[in-house]
Amino acid sequence: MKVVLATSNAGKIREIEEALQDLGWTLSPLGPLPLPEETGATYEENAALKACAAAVMLNAPALADDSGIEIEALGGEPGVYSARYGNRESDMERNVYVLEKLRGEKNRRAKFVSVVILAYPDGHLETYRGELHGTLLEGPRGANGFGYDPLFVPDGDTRTLAEMTVEEKRAVSHRGRALAALREAHRQGLPERETTPIV
């Protein structure tokens, strides 16, 4: 099966390719085609917006992810706004912004959430969700990964996600768990799918 990856994020593309390589799918980048703005109030809505748009434009199954970090001390922020939190332009600037907001805060608990949606041109959707709980450091560590990975230490580990290899991160990460659920569903045969009209 040929599947379009409805993202321009190189880190996400690498993780998806690694996670799904044994399904025998042909994974194709979206290229220069534009995706709709993420106007949804939930990860599910944003992932569906992107996946459905790509499926219609290219008349092929399309996979999209929406993910974010939810920080307890900030009331669950930034959530779906993680990629543009505080109107900061880069990952490093957003990390600094989070650390500033958490200065002096003892509660460093947070969780990553990922929702992966596979959309088909006929309107079928498959939805998979993964979560990863952990704590935020007071400064970044590690040169791998992207986003808030340098700040986040998963429960049961002493390393940040940015100190792990792609394979190690995928084994524990929120996106890795959502993709593992997708992979397992397709290994067992085509799962039941929710039909949603694509306009």
Protein backbone atom coordinates (compact mmCIF):
# COMPACT_ATOMS: atom_id res chain seq x y z
CA MET A 1 0.00 0.00 0.00
CA LYS A 2 1.23 3.49 -0.86
CA VAL A 3 0.76 5.94 2.01
CA VAL A 4 1.42 9.67 1.91
CA LEU A 5 3.03 11.20 4.98
CA ALA A 6 1.11 14.41 5.61
CA THR A 7 3.86 16.29 7.42
CA SER A 8 6.93 18.38 6.59
CA ASN A 9 8.56 17.66 9.97
CA ALA A 10 11.75 15.70 9.22
CA GLY A 11 11.88 14.26 12.73
CA LYS A 12 8.35 12.89 12.49
CA ILE A 13 9.00 11.46 9.02
CA ARG A 14 12.08 9.63 10.28
CA GLU A 15 10.19 8.17 13.26
CA ILE A 16 7.24 7.07 11.11
CA GLU A 17 9.48 5.44 8.50
CA GLU A 18 11.40 3.56 11.21
CA ALA A 19 8.22 2.42 12.95
CA LEU A 20 6.36 1.18 9.87
CA GLN A 21 9.20 -0.22 7.76
CA ASP A 22 8.17 -3.85 8.28
CA LEU A 23 4.61 -3.37 6.94
CA GLY A 24 5.82 -3.34 3.36
CA TRP A 25 4.16 0.02 2.67
CA THR A 26 5.59 2.60 0.29
CA LEU A 27 5.78 5.80 2.34
CA SER A 28 5.85 8.98 0.26
CA PRO A 29 6.54 12.51 1.47
CA LEU A 30 3.89 15.13 0.88
CA GLY A 31 6.34 17.38 -0.94
CA PRO A 32 5.46 21.04 -1.53
CA LEU A 33 1.69 20.57 -1.32
CA PRO A 34 0.12 22.82 1.33
CA LEU A 35 -1.65 21.42 4.36
CA PRO A 36 -4.56 23.17 6.11
CA GLU A 37 -3.89 25.27 9.18
CA GLU A 38 -4.22 23.37 12.46
CA THR A 39 -7.43 24.98 13.69
CA GLY A 40 -8.77 22.01 15.66
CA ALA A 41 -9.31 22.04 19.41
CA THR A 42 -8.00 18.48 19.83
CA TYR A 43 -5.14 16.35 18.54
CA GLU A 44 -7.70 14.18 16.75
CA GLU A 45 -9.20 17.14 14.89
CA ASN A 46 -5.82 18.50 13.78
CA ALA A 47 -4.50 15.10 12.65
CA ALA A 48 -7.74 14.48 10.71
CA LEU A 49 -7.53 17.88 9.01
CA LYS A 50 -4.08 17.12 7.65
CA ALA A 51 -4.63 13.45 6.77
CA CYS A 52 -7.95 14.07 5.01
CA ALA A 53 -6.59 17.00 3.02
CA ALA A 54 -3.63 14.95 1.78
CA ALA A 55 -5.82 11.92 0.99
CA VAL A 56 -8.13 14.06 -1.17
CA MET A 57 -5.33 16.01 -2.91
CA LEU A 58 -3.37 12.89 -3.87
CA ASN A 59 -6.21 10.33 -4.00
CA ALA A 60 -4.23 7.99 -1.77
CA PRO A 61 -4.22 6.91 1.88
CA ALA A 62 -2.52 9.56 3.99
CA LEU A 63 -1.09 9.45 7.49
CA ALA A 64 -0.86 12.45 9.80
CA ASP A 65 0.08 12.96 13.42
CA ASP A 66 -0.75 15.69 15.86
CA SER A 67 1.03 15.73 19.14
CA GLY A 68 1.89 17.91 22.05
CA ILE A 69 3.08 18.13 25.60
CA GLU A 70 0.74 18.76 28.53
CA ILE A 71 2.37 20.22 31.65
CA GLU A 72 0.55 19.77 34.95
CA ALA A 73 1.78 23.00 36.57
CA LEU A 74 0.61 24.98 33.54
CA GLY A 75 -2.90 23.53 33.59
CA GLY A 76 -2.21 21.21 30.66
CA GLU A 77 -0.56 23.83 28.46
CA PRO A 78 0.66 23.96 25.76
CA GLY A 79 -1.27 20.91 24.47
CA VAL A 80 -2.37 21.30 20.85
CA TYR A 81 -0.45 24.59 20.71
CA SER A 82 2.91 22.96 21.53
CA ALA A 83 4.47 23.69 18.12
CA ARG A 84 3.71 27.40 18.37
CA TYR A 85 3.72 27.94 22.13
CA GLY A 86 4.30 31.52 23.19
CA ASN A 87 4.60 32.52 19.53
CA ARG A 88 8.20 31.32 19.69
CA GLU A 89 9.77 30.46 16.34
CA SER A 90 12.14 27.59 17.14
CA ASP A 91 12.28 24.50 19.35
CA MET A 92 15.03 26.08 21.43
CA GLU A 93 13.02 29.26 21.99
CA ARG A 94 9.96 27.26 23.03
CA ASN A 95 12.05 25.19 25.45
CA VAL A 96 13.42 28.38 27.01
CA TYR A 97 9.88 29.78 27.24
CA VAL A 98 8.64 26.66 29.06
CA LEU A 99 11.58 26.78 31.48
CA GLU A 100 10.86 30.44 32.23
CA LYS A 101 7.21 29.66 32.97
CA LEU A 102 8.26 26.80 35.28
CA ARG A 103 10.96 28.73 37.12
CA GLY A 104 10.74 27.85 40.81
CA GLU A 105 7.96 25.32 40.22
CA LYS A 106 8.41 22.01 42.08
CA ASN A 107 5.80 20.08 40.11
CA ARG A 108 7.62 19.11 36.90
CA ARG A 109 5.15 16.40 35.80
CA ALA A 110 4.13 16.33 32.15
CA LYS A 111 2.95 13.98 29.45
CA PHE A 112 3.37 13.75 25.72
CA VAL A 113 0.30 12.85 23.65
CA SER A 114 0.25 11.71 20.03
CA VAL A 115 -2.72 10.94 17.80
CA VAL A 116 -2.00 9.26 14.46
CA ILE A 117 -4.74 9.16 11.83
CA LEU A 118 -4.70 7.17 8.61
CA ALA A 119 -7.25 8.63 6.18
CA TYR A 120 -8.47 7.04 2.96
CA PRO A 121 -9.91 8.88 -0.06
CA ASP A 122 -13.26 7.12 0.45
CA GLY A 123 -13.69 8.78 3.85
CA HIS A 124 -12.53 6.00 6.16
CA LEU A 125 -10.41 7.01 9.15
CA GLU A 126 -8.26 4.98 11.52
CA THR A 127 -7.29 6.67 14.77
CA TYR A 128 -4.48 5.61 17.13
CA ARG A 129 -3.41 7.35 20.35
CA GLY A 130 -0.28 7.09 22.48
CA GLU A 131 0.83 8.79 25.70
CA LEU A 132 4.15 9.06 27.56
CA HIS A 133 4.38 10.32 31.14
CA GLY A 134 7.47 11.84 32.71
CA THR A 135 9.12 14.90 34.24
CA LEU A 136 10.68 18.07 32.89
CA LEU A 137 14.26 19.04 33.75
CA GLU A 138 15.41 22.54 34.65
CA GLY A 139 17.64 22.64 31.58
CA PRO A 140 18.00 20.79 28.27
CA ARG A 141 20.08 17.65 27.79
CA GLY A 142 20.88 15.75 24.61
CA ALA A 143 21.32 16.56 20.93
CA ASN A 144 18.89 14.13 19.31
CA GLY A 145 15.14 14.38 18.79
CA PHE A 146 13.20 17.59 18.35
CA GLY A 147 10.59 19.74 20.09
CA TYR A 148 10.61 19.39 23.86
CA ASP A 149 12.67 16.16 23.82
CA PRO A 150 15.73 17.75 25.53
CA LEU A 151 13.64 18.63 28.61
CA PHE A 152 11.62 15.43 29.02
CA VAL A 153 12.69 12.38 31.06
CA PRO A 154 10.24 9.46 30.70
CA ASP A 155 9.13 7.63 33.83
CA GLY A 156 11.46 4.73 34.54
CA ASP A 157 14.47 6.29 32.78
CA THR A 158 17.19 8.79 33.64
CA ARG A 159 17.77 10.07 30.10
CA THR A 160 15.87 12.70 28.18
CA LEU A 161 14.26 11.72 24.89
CA ALA A 162 17.00 13.78 23.21
CA GLU A 163 19.66 11.51 24.72
CA MET A 164 18.13 8.41 23.10
CA THR A 165 18.64 6.99 19.63
CA VAL A 166 15.70 7.03 17.21
CA GLU A 167 15.09 3.35 17.95
CA GLU A 168 15.24 3.82 21.74
CA LYS A 169 12.88 6.80 21.60
CA ARG A 170 10.41 5.00 19.35
CA ALA A 171 10.26 2.09 21.78
CA VAL A 172 8.88 4.31 24.55
CA SER A 173 7.54 7.50 22.97
CA HIS A 174 3.96 8.66 22.61
CA ARG A 175 4.24 8.65 18.81
CA GLY A 176 5.98 5.28 18.90
CA ARG A 177 3.11 3.84 20.93
CA ALA A 178 0.47 5.22 18.57
CA LEU A 179 2.39 3.90 15.56
CA ALA A 180 2.87 0.52 17.27
CA ALA A 181 -0.91 0.28 17.68
CA LEU A 182 -1.37 1.07 13.97
CA ARG A 183 1.28 -1.47 12.99
CA GLU A 184 -0.25 -4.20 15.15
CA ALA A 185 -3.75 -3.52 13.79
CA HIS A 186 -2.54 -3.92 10.20
CA ARG A 187 -0.51 -7.01 10.97
CA GLN A 188 -3.72 -8.63 12.17
CA GLY A 189 -5.65 -7.60 9.06
CA LEU A 190 -7.40 -4.41 8.07
CA PRO A 191 -9.10 -3.01 11.19
CA GLU A 192 -12.64 -1.74 11.41
CA ARG A 193 -12.69 1.87 10.34
CA GLU A 194 -14.79 4.86 11.18
CA THR A 195 -16.41 6.40 8.10
CA THR A 196 -16.28 10.16 8.02
CA PRO A 197 -17.22 12.14 4.90
CA ILE A 198 -14.30 14.05 3.48
CA VAL A 199 -15.44 17.32 1.96
